[in-house]
PDB file of N, CA and C in Angstrom:
ATOM      1  N   MET A   1      -9.158  -9.261  15.792  1.00  0.00           N
ATOM      2  CA  MET A   1      -8.483  -7.997  15.644  1.00  0.00           C
ATOM      3  C   MET A   1      -7.240  -8.208  14.780  1.00  0.00           C
ATOM      4  N   GLN A   2      -7.046  -7.317  13.827  1.00  0.00           N
ATOM      5  CA  GLN A   2      -5.934  -7.461  12.905  1.00  0.00           C
ATOM      6  C   GLN A   2      -4.671  -6.830  13.483  1.00  0.00           C
ATOM      7  N   LYS A   3      -3.559  -7.148  12.848  1.00  0.00           N
ATOM      8  CA  LYS A   3      -2.259  -6.673  13.321  1.00  0.00           C
ATOM      9  C   LYS A   3      -2.192  -5.147  13.325  1.00  0.00           C
ATOM     10  N   ALA A   4      -2.765  -4.509  12.297  1.00  0.00           N
ATOM     11  CA  ALA A   4      -2.742  -3.045  12.223  1.00  0.00           C
ATOM     12  C   ALA A   4      -3.482  -2.433  13.407  1.00  0.00           C
ATOM     13  N   ASP A   5      -4.586  -3.065  13.818  1.00  0.00           N
ATOM     14  CA  ASP A   5      -5.344  -2.564  14.961  1.00  0.00           C
ATOM     15  C   ASP A   5      -4.533  -2.680  16.244  1.00  0.00           C
ATOM     16  N   LEU A   6      -3.854  -3.804  16.394  1.00  0.00           N
ATOM     17  CA  LEU A   6      -3.044  -4.003  17.593  1.00  0.00           C
ATOM     18  C   LEU A   6      -1.891  -3.012  17.659  1.00  0.00           C
ATOM     19  N   ILE A   7      -1.288  -2.748  16.513  1.00  0.00           N
ATOM     20  CA  ILE A   7      -0.190  -1.776  16.469  1.00  0.00           C
ATOM     21  C   ILE A   7      -0.702  -0.388  16.824  1.00  0.00           C
ATOM     22  N   MET A   8      -1.889  -0.036  16.276  1.00  0.00           N
ATOM     23  CA  MET A   8      -2.464   1.271  16.570  1.00  0.00           C
ATOM     24  C   MET A   8      -2.766   1.404  18.067  1.00  0.00           C
ATOM     25  N   LEU A   9      -3.332   0.358  18.663  1.00  0.00           N
ATOM     26  CA  LEU A   9      -3.617   0.388  20.095  1.00  0.00           C
ATOM     27  C   LEU A   9      -2.339   0.507  20.917  1.00  0.00           C
ATOM     28  N   GLN A  10      -1.310  -0.226  20.506  1.00  0.00           N
ATOM     29  CA  GLN A  10      -0.044  -0.171  21.237  1.00  0.00           C
ATOM     30  C   GLN A  10       0.561   1.224  21.161  1.00  0.00           C
ATOM     31  N   ARG A  11       0.540   1.832  19.986  1.00  0.00           N
ATOM     32  CA  ARG A  11       1.091   3.190  19.850  1.00  0.00           C
ATOM     33  C   ARG A  11       0.285   4.191  20.664  1.00  0.00           C
ATOM     34  N   LEU A  12      -1.036   4.038  20.644  1.00  0.00           N
ATOM     35  CA  LEU A  12      -1.883   4.926  21.427  1.00  0.00           C
ATOM     36  C   LEU A  12      -1.582   4.764  22.910  1.00  0.00           C
ATOM     37  N   TRP A  13      -1.438   3.528  23.343  1.00  0.00           N
ATOM     38  CA  TRP A  13      -1.130   3.229  24.742  1.00  0.00           C
ATOM     39  C   TRP A  13       0.203   3.857  25.143  1.00  0.00           C
ATOM     40  N   GLU A  14       1.210   3.726  24.266  1.00  0.00           N
ATOM     41  CA  GLU A  14       2.532   4.261  24.582  1.00  0.00           C
ATOM     42  C   GLU A  14       2.561   5.781  24.513  1.00  0.00           C
ATOM     43  N   SER A  15       1.853   6.367  23.545  1.00  0.00           N
ATOM     44  CA  SER A  15       1.904   7.820  23.391  1.00  0.00           C
ATOM     45  C   SER A  15       1.088   8.529  24.469  1.00  0.00           C
ATOM     46  N   GLU A  16      -0.016   7.960  24.862  1.00  0.00           N
ATOM     47  CA  GLU A  16      -0.862   8.594  25.868  1.00  0.00           C
ATOM     48  C   GLU A  16      -0.308   8.404  27.279  1.00  0.00           C
ATOM     49  N   GLY A  17       0.437   7.371  27.457  1.00  0.00           N
ATOM     50  CA  GLY A  17       0.957   7.087  28.790  1.00  0.00           C
ATOM     51  C   GLY A  17      -0.027   6.219  29.555  1.00  0.00           C
ATOM     52  N   LYS A  18       0.498   5.235  30.209  1.00  0.00           N
ATOM     53  CA  LYS A  18      -0.365   4.274  30.900  1.00  0.00           C
ATOM     54  C   LYS A  18      -1.132   4.921  32.047  1.00  0.00           C
ATOM     55  N   GLN A  19      -0.533   5.908  32.696  1.00  0.00           N
ATOM     56  CA  GLN A  19      -1.202   6.534  33.831  1.00  0.00           C
ATOM     57  C   GLN A  19      -2.387   7.389  33.387  1.00  0.00           C
ATOM     58  N   GLN A  20      -2.311   7.967  32.211  1.00  0.00           N
ATOM     59  CA  GLN A  20      -3.377   8.852  31.754  1.00  0.00           C
ATOM     60  C   GLN A  20      -4.680   8.113  31.507  1.00  0.00           C
ATOM     61  N   TRP A  21      -4.616   6.829  31.226  1.00  0.00           N
ATOM     62  CA  TRP A  21      -5.848   6.080  30.986  1.00  0.00           C
ATOM     63  C   TRP A  21      -6.708   6.045  32.240  1.00  0.00           C
ATOM     64  N   ALA A  22      -6.083   5.984  33.378  1.00  0.00           N
ATOM     65  CA  ALA A  22      -6.846   5.928  34.625  1.00  0.00           C
ATOM     66  C   ALA A  22      -7.531   7.254  34.918  1.00  0.00           C
ATOM     67  N   THR A  23      -6.985   8.361  34.417  1.00  0.00           N
ATOM     68  CA  THR A  23      -7.567   9.673  34.703  1.00  0.00           C
ATOM     69  C   THR A  23      -8.540  10.139  33.633  1.00  0.00           C
ATOM     70  N   ARG A  24      -8.701   9.403  32.557  1.00  0.00           N
ATOM     71  CA  ARG A  24      -9.615   9.812  31.485  1.00  0.00           C
ATOM     72  C   ARG A  24     -11.057   9.612  31.919  1.00  0.00           C
ATOM     73  N   ASP A  25     -11.905  10.509  31.424  1.00  0.00           N
ATOM     74  CA  ASP A  25     -13.326  10.342  31.730  1.00  0.00           C
ATOM     75  C   ASP A  25     -13.897   9.244  30.834  1.00  0.00           C
ATOM     76  N   PRO A  26     -14.937   8.568  31.279  1.00  0.00           N
ATOM     77  CA  PRO A  26     -15.491   7.434  30.521  1.00  0.00           C
ATOM     78  C   PRO A  26     -15.945   7.808  29.108  1.00  0.00           C
ATOM     79  N   GLU A  27     -16.458   9.011  28.933  1.00  0.00           N
ATOM     80  CA  GLU A  27     -16.946   9.408  27.605  1.00  0.00           C
ATOM     81  C   GLU A  27     -15.814   9.456  26.588  1.00  0.00           C
ATOM     82  N   SER A  28     -14.647   9.956  26.971  1.00  0.00           N
ATOM     83  CA  SER A  28     -13.528  10.005  26.023  1.00  0.00           C
ATOM     84  C   SER A  28     -13.013   8.603  25.706  1.00  0.00           C
ATOM     85  N   VAL A  29     -13.049   7.707  26.696  1.00  0.00           N
ATOM     86  CA  VAL A  29     -12.643   6.322  26.446  1.00  0.00           C
ATOM     87  C   VAL A  29     -13.620   5.661  25.483  1.00  0.00           C
ATOM     88  N   PHE A  30     -14.925   5.883  25.701  1.00  0.00           N
ATOM     89  CA  PHE A  30     -15.930   5.321  24.797  1.00  0.00           C
ATOM     90  C   PHE A  30     -15.780   5.882  23.384  1.00  0.00           C
ATOM     91  N   GLN A  31     -15.442   7.158  23.278  1.00  0.00           N
ATOM     92  CA  GLN A  31     -15.245   7.757  21.955  1.00  0.00           C
ATOM     93  C   GLN A  31     -14.054   7.124  21.248  1.00  0.00           C
ATOM     94  N   MET A  32     -12.990   6.861  21.983  1.00  0.00           N
ATOM     95  CA  MET A  32     -11.831   6.186  21.390  1.00  0.00           C
ATOM     96  C   MET A  32     -12.207   4.787  20.917  1.00  0.00           C
ATOM     97  N   LEU A  33     -12.999   4.087  21.705  1.00  0.00           N
ATOM     98  CA  LEU A  33     -13.445   2.750  21.301  1.00  0.00           C
ATOM     99  C   LEU A  33     -14.343   2.818  20.071  1.00  0.00           C
ATOM    100  N   ARG A  34     -15.226   3.811  20.015  1.00  0.00           N
ATOM    101  CA  ARG A  34     -16.074   3.987  18.823  1.00  0.00           C
ATOM    102  C   ARG A  34     -15.210   4.239  17.588  1.00  0.00           C
ATOM    103  N   ASP A  35     -14.207   5.084  17.740  1.00  0.00           N
ATOM    104  CA  ASP A  35     -13.305   5.366  16.620  1.00  0.00           C
ATOM    105  C   ASP A  35     -12.577   4.104  16.169  1.00  0.00           C
ATOM    106  N   LEU A  36     -12.160   3.292  17.122  1.00  0.00           N
ATOM    107  CA  LEU A  36     -11.480   2.042  16.796  1.00  0.00           C
ATOM    108  C   LEU A  36     -12.409   1.089  16.052  1.00  0.00           C
ATOM    109  N   VAL A  37     -13.656   0.995  16.504  1.00  0.00           N
ATOM    110  CA  VAL A  37     -14.634   0.130  15.830  1.00  0.00           C
ATOM    111  C   VAL A  37     -14.908   0.651  14.422  1.00  0.00           C
ATOM    112  N   ASP A  38     -15.055   1.961  14.264  1.00  0.00           N
ATOM    113  CA  ASP A  38     -15.270   2.542  12.934  1.00  0.00           C
ATOM    114  C   ASP A  38     -14.096   2.240  12.008  1.00  0.00           C
ATOM    115  N   PHE A  39     -12.892   2.342  12.543  1.00  0.00           N
ATOM    116  CA  PHE A  39     -11.701   2.031  11.754  1.00  0.00           C
ATOM    117  C   PHE A  39     -11.708   0.569  11.324  1.00  0.00           C
ATOM    118  N   GLN A  40     -12.068  -0.325  12.240  1.00  0.00           N
ATOM    119  CA  GLN A  40     -12.117  -1.752  11.919  1.00  0.00           C
ATOM    120  C   GLN A  40     -13.154  -2.027  10.832  1.00  0.00           C
ATOM    121  N   VAL A  41     -14.299  -1.361  10.883  1.00  0.00           N
ATOM    122  CA  VAL A  41     -15.331  -1.532   9.856  1.00  0.00           C
ATOM    123  C   VAL A  41     -14.798  -1.086   8.498  1.00  0.00           C
ATOM    124  N   GLU A  42     -14.075   0.030   8.465  1.00  0.00           N
ATOM    125  CA  GLU A  42     -13.489   0.502   7.208  1.00  0.00           C
ATOM    126  C   GLU A  42     -12.486  -0.500   6.651  1.00  0.00           C
ATOM    127  N   VAL A  43     -11.662  -1.074   7.514  1.00  0.00           N
ATOM    128  CA  VAL A  43     -10.674  -2.065   7.075  1.00  0.00           C
ATOM    129  C   VAL A  43     -11.374  -3.290   6.509  1.00  0.00           C
ATOM    130  N   MET A  44     -12.411  -3.748   7.189  1.00  0.00           N
ATOM    131  CA  MET A  44     -13.150  -4.924   6.714  1.00  0.00           C
ATOM    132  C   MET A  44     -13.833  -4.636   5.380  1.00  0.00           C
ATOM    133  N   HIS A  45     -14.378  -3.426   5.224  1.00  0.00           N
ATOM    134  CA  HIS A  45     -15.017  -3.054   3.960  1.00  0.00           C
ATOM    135  C   HIS A  45     -13.989  -3.016   2.834  1.00  0.00           C
ATOM    136  N   HIS A  46     -12.807  -2.488   3.127  1.00  0.00           N
ATOM    137  CA  HIS A  46     -11.729  -2.433   2.134  1.00  0.00           C
ATOM    138  C   HIS A  46     -11.329  -3.842   1.703  1.00  0.00           C
ATOM    139  N   ASP A  47     -11.151  -4.734   2.678  1.00  0.00           N
ATOM    140  CA  ASP A  47     -10.780  -6.118   2.364  1.00  0.00           C
ATOM    141  C   ASP A  47     -11.855  -6.802   1.532  1.00  0.00           C
ATOM    142  N   GLN A  48     -13.118  -6.561   1.872  1.00  0.00           N
ATOM    143  CA  GLN A  48     -14.226  -7.170   1.140  1.00  0.00           C
ATOM    144  C   GLN A  48     -14.288  -6.620  -0.288  1.00  0.00           C
ATOM    145  N   SER A  49     -14.044  -5.337  -0.456  1.00  0.00           N
ATOM    146  CA  SER A  49     -14.046  -4.739  -1.795  1.00  0.00           C
ATOM    147  C   SER A  49     -12.945  -5.338  -2.662  1.00  0.00           C
ATOM    148  N   LEU A  50     -11.775  -5.545  -2.086  1.00  0.00           N
ATOM    149  CA  LEU A  50     -10.684  -6.162  -2.844  1.00  0.00           C
ATOM    150  C   LEU A  50     -11.022  -7.590  -3.229  1.00  0.00           C
ATOM    151  N   LEU A  51     -11.682  -8.316  -2.339  1.00  0.00           N
ATOM    152  CA  LEU A  51     -12.089  -9.687  -2.641  1.00  0.00           C
ATOM    153  C   LEU A  51     -13.089  -9.707  -3.794  1.00  0.00           C
ATOM    154  N   TYR A  52     -14.058  -8.792  -3.779  1.00  0.00           N
ATOM    155  CA  TYR A  52     -15.017  -8.699  -4.885  1.00  0.00           C
ATOM    156  C   TYR A  52     -14.308  -8.374  -6.199  1.00  0.00           C
ATOM    157  N   ALA A  53     -13.359  -7.450  -6.146  1.00  0.00           N
ATOM    158  CA  ALA A  53     -12.630  -7.074  -7.362  1.00  0.00           C
ATOM    159  C   ALA A  53     -11.812  -8.244  -7.899  1.00  0.00           C
ATOM    160  N   GLU A  54     -11.152  -8.989  -7.018  1.00  0.00           N
ATOM    161  CA  GLU A  54     -10.381 -10.154  -7.461  1.00  0.00           C
ATOM    162  C   GLU A  54     -11.285 -11.200  -8.099  1.00  0.00           C
ATOM    163  N   ASN A  55     -12.444 -11.444  -7.493  1.00  0.00           N
ATOM    164  CA  ASN A  55     -13.389 -12.405  -8.067  1.00  0.00           C
ATOM    165  C   ASN A  55     -13.906 -11.928  -9.418  1.00  0.00           C
ATOM    166  N   TYR A  56     -14.160 -10.631  -9.551  1.00  0.00           N
ATOM    167  CA  TYR A  56     -14.633 -10.068 -10.817  1.00  0.00           C
ATOM    168  C   TYR A  56     -13.586 -10.286 -11.912  1.00  0.00           C
ATOM    169  N   ILE A  57     -12.337 -10.054 -11.579  1.00  0.00           N
ATOM    170  CA  ILE A  57     -11.260 -10.236 -12.559  1.00  0.00           C
ATOM    171  C   ILE A  57     -11.142 -11.699 -12.962  1.00  0.00           C
ATOM    172  N   LEU A  58     -11.227 -12.594 -11.997  1.00  0.00           N
ATOM    173  CA  LEU A  58     -11.119 -14.025 -12.301  1.00  0.00           C
ATOM    174  C   LEU A  58     -12.315 -14.537 -13.101  1.00  0.00           C
ATOM    175  N   ASP A  59     -13.500 -14.007 -12.834  1.00  0.00           N
ATOM    176  CA  ASP A  59     -14.711 -14.462 -13.524  1.00  0.00           C
ATOM    177  C   ASP A  59     -14.829 -13.922 -14.945  1.00  0.00           C
ATOM    178  N   ARG A  60     -14.156 -12.830 -15.252  1.00  0.00           N
ATOM    179  CA  ARG A  60     -14.272 -12.189 -16.565  1.00  0.00           C
ATOM    180  C   ARG A  60     -12.886 -11.940 -17.176  1.00  0.00           C
ATOM    181  N   PRO A  61     -12.166 -13.008 -17.504  1.00  0.00           N
ATOM    182  CA  PRO A  61     -10.805 -12.819 -18.031  1.00  0.00           C
ATOM    183  C   PRO A  61     -10.778 -12.260 -19.450  1.00  0.00           C
ATOM    184  N   GLU A  62     -11.922 -12.249 -20.142  1.00  0.00           N
ATOM    185  CA  GLU A  62     -11.929 -11.765 -21.520  1.00  0.00           C
ATOM    186  C   GLU A  62     -11.869 -10.241 -21.610  1.00  0.00           C
ATOM    187  N   ILE A  63     -12.155  -9.531 -20.536  1.00  0.00           N
ATOM    188  CA  ILE A  63     -12.093  -8.073 -20.544  1.00  0.00           C
ATOM    189  C   ILE A  63     -10.618  -7.658 -20.512  1.00  0.00           C
ATOM    190  N   LEU A  64     -10.248  -6.734 -21.392  1.00  0.00           N
ATOM    191  CA  LEU A  64      -8.844  -6.365 -21.580  1.00  0.00           C
ATOM    192  C   LEU A  64      -8.180  -5.889 -20.290  1.00  0.00           C
ATOM    193  N   VAL A  65      -8.856  -5.037 -19.535  1.00  0.00           N
ATOM    194  CA  VAL A  65      -8.263  -4.525 -18.297  1.00  0.00           C
ATOM    195  C   VAL A  65      -7.974  -5.672 -17.332  1.00  0.00           C
ATOM    196  N   ASN A  66      -8.883  -6.622 -17.251  1.00  0.00           N
ATOM    197  CA  ASN A  66      -8.677  -7.772 -16.369  1.00  0.00           C
ATOM    198  C   ASN A  66      -7.488  -8.606 -16.834  1.00  0.00           C
ATOM    199  N   ARG A  67      -7.336  -8.740 -18.139  1.00  0.00           N
ATOM    200  CA  ARG A  67      -6.197  -9.486 -18.672  1.00  0.00           C
ATOM    201  C   ARG A  67      -4.886  -8.770 -18.368  1.00  0.00           C
ATOM    202  N   ILE A  68      -4.896  -7.456 -18.487  1.00  0.00           N
ATOM    203  CA  ILE A  68      -3.687  -6.674 -18.199  1.00  0.00           C
ATOM    204  C   ILE A  68      -3.301  -6.815 -16.729  1.00  0.00           C
ATOM    205  N   ILE A  69      -4.276  -6.674 -15.847  1.00  0.00           N
ATOM    206  CA  ILE A  69      -3.996  -6.803 -14.414  1.00  0.00           C
ATOM    207  C   ILE A  69      -3.499  -8.208 -14.092  1.00  0.00           C
ATOM    208  N   GLY A  70      -4.139  -9.210 -14.675  1.00  0.00           N
ATOM    209  CA  GLY A  70      -3.701 -10.587 -14.457  1.00  0.00           C
ATOM    210  C   GLY A  70      -2.285 -10.819 -14.947  1.00  0.00           C
ATOM    211  N   HIS A  71      -1.938 -10.221 -16.085  1.00  0.00           N
ATOM    212  CA  HIS A  71      -0.593 -10.380 -16.626  1.00  0.00           C
ATOM    213  C   HIS A  71       0.442  -9.681 -15.738  1.00  0.00           C
ATOM    214  N   ILE A  72       0.092  -8.505 -15.237  1.00  0.00           N
ATOM    215  CA  ILE A  72       0.992  -7.800 -14.314  1.00  0.00           C
ATOM    216  C   ILE A  72       1.221  -8.644 -13.064  1.00  0.00           C
ATOM    217  N   GLN A  73       0.137  -9.237 -12.551  1.00  0.00           N
ATOM    218  CA  GLN A  73       0.282 -10.096 -11.373  1.00  0.00           C
ATOM    219  C   GLN A  73       1.184 -11.287 -11.679  1.00  0.00           C
ATOM    220  N   TYR A  74       1.055 -11.845 -12.875  1.00  0.00           N
ATOM    221  CA  TYR A  74       1.889 -12.981 -13.269  1.00  0.00           C
ATOM    222  C   TYR A  74       3.354 -12.569 -13.412  1.00  0.00           C
ATOM    223  N   LEU A  75       3.601 -11.446 -14.105  1.00  0.00           N
ATOM    224  CA  LEU A  75       4.971 -11.004 -14.356  1.00  0.00           C
ATOM    225  C   LEU A  75       5.737 -10.700 -13.073  1.00  0.00           C
ATOM    226  N   PHE A  76       5.071 -10.054 -12.134  1.00  0.00           N
ATOM    227  CA  PHE A  76       5.749  -9.609 -10.922  1.00  0.00           C
ATOM    228  C   PHE A  76       5.439 -10.483  -9.711  1.00  0.00           C
ATOM    229  N   GLU A  77       4.838 -11.644  -9.958  1.00  0.00           N
ATOM    230  CA  GLU A  77       4.537 -12.616  -8.902  1.00  0.00           C
ATOM    231  C   GLU A  77       3.765 -11.979  -7.749  1.00  0.00           C
ATOM    232  N   ILE A  78       2.687 -11.273  -8.101  1.00  0.00           N
ATOM    233  CA  ILE A  78       1.835 -10.617  -7.114  1.00  0.00           C
ATOM    234  C   ILE A  78       0.657 -11.539  -6.840  1.00  0.00           C
ATOM    235  N   LYS A  79       0.467 -11.885  -5.580  1.00  0.00           N
ATOM    236  CA  LYS A  79      -0.550 -12.874  -5.238  1.00  0.00           C
ATOM    237  C   LYS A  79      -1.956 -12.300  -5.145  1.00  0.00           C
ATOM    238  N   SER A  80      -2.101 -11.037  -4.753  1.00  0.00           N
ATOM    239  CA  SER A  80      -3.436 -10.473  -4.591  1.00  0.00           C
ATOM    240  C   SER A  80      -3.510  -9.097  -5.236  1.00  0.00           C
ATOM    241  N   LEU A  81      -4.724  -8.655  -5.447  1.00  0.00           N
ATOM    242  CA  LEU A  81      -4.961  -7.399  -6.148  1.00  0.00           C
ATOM    243  C   LEU A  81      -4.411  -6.197  -5.383  1.00  0.00           C
ATOM    244  N   ASP A  82      -4.447  -6.240  -4.064  1.00  0.00           N
ATOM    245  CA  ASP A  82      -3.966  -5.090  -3.299  1.00  0.00           C
ATOM    246  C   ASP A  82      -2.448  -4.925  -3.359  1.00  0.00           C
ATOM    247  N   GLY A  83      -1.741  -5.874  -3.955  1.00  0.00           N
ATOM    248  CA  GLY A  83      -0.302  -5.744  -4.114  1.00  0.00           C
ATOM    249  C   GLY A  83       0.124  -5.167  -5.449  1.00  0.00           C
ATOM    250  N   VAL A  84      -0.838  -4.951  -6.365  1.00  0.00           N
ATOM    251  CA  VAL A  84      -0.498  -4.489  -7.715  1.00  0.00           C
ATOM    252  C   VAL A  84       0.072  -3.072  -7.694  1.00  0.00           C
ATOM    253  N   LEU A  85      -0.638  -2.131  -7.102  1.00  0.00           N
ATOM    254  CA  LEU A  85      -0.169  -0.742  -7.124  1.00  0.00           C
ATOM    255  C   LEU A  85       1.144  -0.543  -6.361  1.00  0.00           C
ATOM    256  N   PRO A  86       1.312  -1.127  -5.167  1.00  0.00           N
ATOM    257  CA  PRO A  86       2.625  -0.969  -4.516  1.00  0.00           C
ATOM    258  C   PRO A  86       3.772  -1.541  -5.348  1.00  0.00           C
ATOM    259  N   ARG A  87       3.532  -2.669  -6.019  1.00  0.00           N
ATOM    260  CA  ARG A  87       4.601  -3.273  -6.838  1.00  0.00           C
ATOM    261  C   ARG A  87       4.907  -2.400  -8.049  1.00  0.00           C
ATOM    262  N   LEU A  88       3.864  -1.864  -8.699  1.00  0.00           N
ATOM    263  CA  LEU A  88       4.096  -0.966  -9.832  1.00  0.00           C
ATOM    264  C   LEU A  88       4.835   0.288  -9.386  1.00  0.00           C
ATOM    265  N   ASN A  89       4.557   0.753  -8.186  1.00  0.00           N
ATOM    266  CA  ASN A  89       5.279   1.898  -7.648  1.00  0.00           C
ATOM    267  C   ASN A  89       6.753   1.558  -7.439  1.00  0.00           C
ATOM    268  N   GLN A  90       7.036   0.348  -6.951  1.00  0.00           N
ATOM    269  CA  GLN A  90       8.425  -0.088  -6.791  1.00  0.00           C
ATOM    270  C   GLN A  90       9.143  -0.130  -8.134  1.00  0.00           C
ATOM    271  N   VAL A  91       8.468  -0.629  -9.152  1.00  0.00           N
ATOM    272  CA  VAL A  91       9.065  -0.697 -10.490  1.00  0.00           C
ATOM    273  C   VAL A  91       9.361   0.708 -11.001  1.00  0.00           C
ATOM    274  N   TYR A  92       8.409   1.622 -10.829  1.00  0.00           N
ATOM    275  CA  TYR A  92       8.602   3.003 -11.264  1.00  0.00           C
ATOM    276  C   TYR A  92       9.806   3.629 -10.556  1.00  0.00           C
ATOM    277  N   LEU A  93       9.886   3.446  -9.234  1.00  0.00           N
ATOM    278  CA  LEU A  93      11.009   4.014  -8.488  1.00  0.00           C
ATOM    279  C   LEU A  93      12.339   3.429  -8.946  1.00  0.00           C
ATOM    280  N   PHE A  94      12.363   2.127  -9.218  1.00  0.00           N
ATOM    281  CA  PHE A  94      13.585   1.484  -9.694  1.00  0.00           C
ATOM    282  C   PHE A  94      14.008   2.066 -11.044  1.00  0.00           C
ATOM    283  N   VAL A  95      13.058   2.222 -11.946  1.00  0.00           N
ATOM    284  CA  VAL A  95      13.363   2.778 -13.270  1.00  0.00           C
ATOM    285  C   VAL A  95      13.893   4.202 -13.139  1.00  0.00           C
ATOM    286  N   GLU A  96      13.280   5.002 -12.290  1.00  0.00           N
ATOM    287  CA  GLU A  96      13.744   6.375 -12.105  1.00  0.00           C
ATOM    288  C   GLU A  96      15.143   6.410 -11.490  1.00  0.00           C
ATOM    289  N   GLU A  97      15.418   5.516 -10.540  1.00  0.00           N
ATOM    290  CA  GLU A  97      16.757   5.453  -9.957  1.00  0.00           C
ATOM    291  C   GLU A  97      17.792   5.075 -11.013  1.00  0.00           C
ATOM    292  N   MET A  98      17.469   4.128 -11.870  1.00  0.00           N
ATOM    293  CA  MET A  98      18.397   3.719 -12.931  1.00  0.00           C
ATOM    294  C   MET A  98      18.590   4.849 -13.938  1.00  0.00           C
ATOM    295  N   ARG A  99      17.519   5.562 -14.238  1.00  0.00           N
ATOM    296  CA  ARG A  99      17.619   6.697 -15.161  1.00  0.00           C
ATOM    297  C   ARG A  99      18.534   7.770 -14.574  1.00  0.00           C
ATOM    298  N   ASN A 100      18.370   8.067 -13.298  1.00  0.00           N
ATOM    299  CA  ASN A 100      19.235   9.052 -12.643  1.00  0.00           C
ATOM    300  C   ASN A 100      20.679   8.572 -12.579  1.00  0.00           C
ATOM    301  N   PHE A 101      20.866   7.277 -12.327  1.00  0.00           N
ATOM    302  CA  PHE A 101      22.216   6.707 -12.296  1.00  0.00           C
ATOM    303  C   PHE A 101      22.889   6.851 -13.657  1.00  0.00           C
ATOM    304  N   LEU A 102      22.167   6.517 -14.725  1.00  0.00           N
ATOM    305  CA  LEU A 102      22.740   6.636 -16.069  1.00  0.00           C
ATOM    306  C   LEU A 102      23.068   8.084 -16.409  1.00  0.00           C
ATOM    307  N   LYS A 103      22.187   8.982 -16.029  1.00  0.00           N
ATOM    308  CA  LYS A 103      22.419  10.399 -16.297  1.00  0.00           C
ATOM    309  C   LYS A 103      23.670  10.885 -15.555  1.00  0.00           C
ATOM    310  N   ALA A 104      23.804  10.499 -14.289  1.00  0.00           N
ATOM    311  CA  ALA A 104      24.976  10.901 -13.508  1.00  0.00           C
ATOM    312  C   ALA A 104      26.242  10.250 -14.045  1.00  0.00           C
ATOM    313  N   SER A 105      26.146   9.000 -14.472  1.00  0.00           N
ATOM    314  CA  SER A 105      27.316   8.298 -15.018  1.00  0.00           C
ATOM    315  C   SER A 105      27.776   8.939 -16.311  1.00  0.00           C
ATOM    316  N   ARG A 106      26.834   9.307 -17.169  1.00  0.00           N
ATOM    317  CA  ARG A 106      27.202   9.967 -18.429  1.00  0.00           C
ATOM    318  C   ARG A 106      27.844  11.316 -18.177  1.00  0.00           C
ATOM    319  N   ALA A 107      27.312  12.035 -17.189  1.00  0.00           N
ATOM    320  CA  ALA A 107      27.901  13.334 -16.861  1.00  0.00           C
ATOM    321  C   ALA A 107      29.309  13.152 -16.296  1.00  0.00           C
ATOM    322  N   LEU A 108      29.510  12.093 -15.554  1.00  0.00           N
ATOM    323  CA  LEU A 108      30.812  11.830 -14.943  1.00  0.00           C
ATOM    324  C   LEU A 108      31.877  11.525 -15.992  1.00  0.00           C
ATOM    325  N   VAL A 109      31.528  10.745 -17.011  1.00  0.00           N
ATOM    326  CA  VAL A 109      32.500  10.400 -18.050  1.00  0.00           C
ATOM    327  C   VAL A 109      32.393  11.326 -19.251  1.00  0.00           C
ATOM    328  N   ASP A 110      31.556  12.342 -19.129  1.00  0.00           N
ATOM    329  CA  ASP A 110      31.394  13.378 -20.153  1.00  0.00           C
ATOM    330  C   ASP A 110      30.984  12.794 -21.498  1.00  0.00           C
ATOM    331  N   VAL A 111      29.979  11.921 -21.471  1.00  0.00           N
ATOM    332  CA  VAL A 111      29.431  11.359 -22.704  1.00  0.00           C
ATOM    333  C   VAL A 111      28.411  12.342 -23.246  1.00  0.00           C
ATOM    334  N   LYS A 112      28.551  12.661 -24.535  1.00  0.00           N
ATOM    335  CA  LYS A 112      27.613  13.580 -25.163  1.00  0.00           C
ATOM    336  C   LYS A 112      26.962  12.881 -26.335  1.00  0.00           C
ATOM    337  N   GLY A 113      25.799  13.336 -26.669  1.00  0.00           N
ATOM    338  CA  GLY A 113      25.101  12.765 -27.816  1.00  0.00           C
ATOM    339  C   GLY A 113      23.653  12.491 -27.468  1.00  0.00           C
ATOM    340  N   HIS A 114      22.787  12.826 -28.387  1.00  0.00           N
ATOM    341  CA  HIS A 114      21.351  12.685 -28.162  1.00  0.00           C
ATOM    342  C   HIS A 114      20.922  11.226 -28.143  1.00  0.00           C
ATOM    343  N   SER A 115      21.578  10.378 -28.914  1.00  0.00           N
ATOM    344  CA  SER A 115      21.166   8.979 -29.012  1.00  0.00           C
ATOM    345  C   SER A 115      21.410   8.214 -27.716  1.00  0.00           C
ATOM    346  N   MET A 116      22.224   8.737 -26.831  1.00  0.00           N
ATOM    347  CA  MET A 116      22.546   8.038 -25.589  1.00  0.00           C
ATOM    348  C   MET A 116      21.604   8.414 -24.453  1.00  0.00           C
ATOM    349  N   GLU A 117      20.724   9.400 -24.657  1.00  0.00           N
ATOM    350  CA  GLU A 117      19.846   9.831 -23.572  1.00  0.00           C
ATOM    351  C   GLU A 117      18.809   8.780 -23.262  1.00  0.00           C
ATOM    352  N   VAL A 118      18.429   8.750 -22.016  1.00  0.00           N
ATOM    353  CA  VAL A 118      17.404   7.809 -21.566  1.00  0.00           C
ATOM    354  C   VAL A 118      16.063   8.479 -21.658  1.00  0.00           C
TER     355      VAL A 118
END
């Protein structure tokens, strides 16, 4: 069982209340277990898909998209494929924060001119 599953079970346990588990009918408990198993299957499928994609990229480095992804992983020290999009999102947010900071700073010191815009 993965950490995400344990966290989900703990939250469910805390939100439902420990006493309510004793009063639940068996069918609803079985349905919750089925849902948990289905969720685990989805997580395993997702992990397996990422592994296949990483192997595909490593096996075919001559394809431009694979080279770009590999270079992004190298530049930002990303160890696995599932970390690429979150890291790119962090970079985007950082750039937008800096752009907003520069815009506010220019407005504060009343800098005018088109060449100074970001």
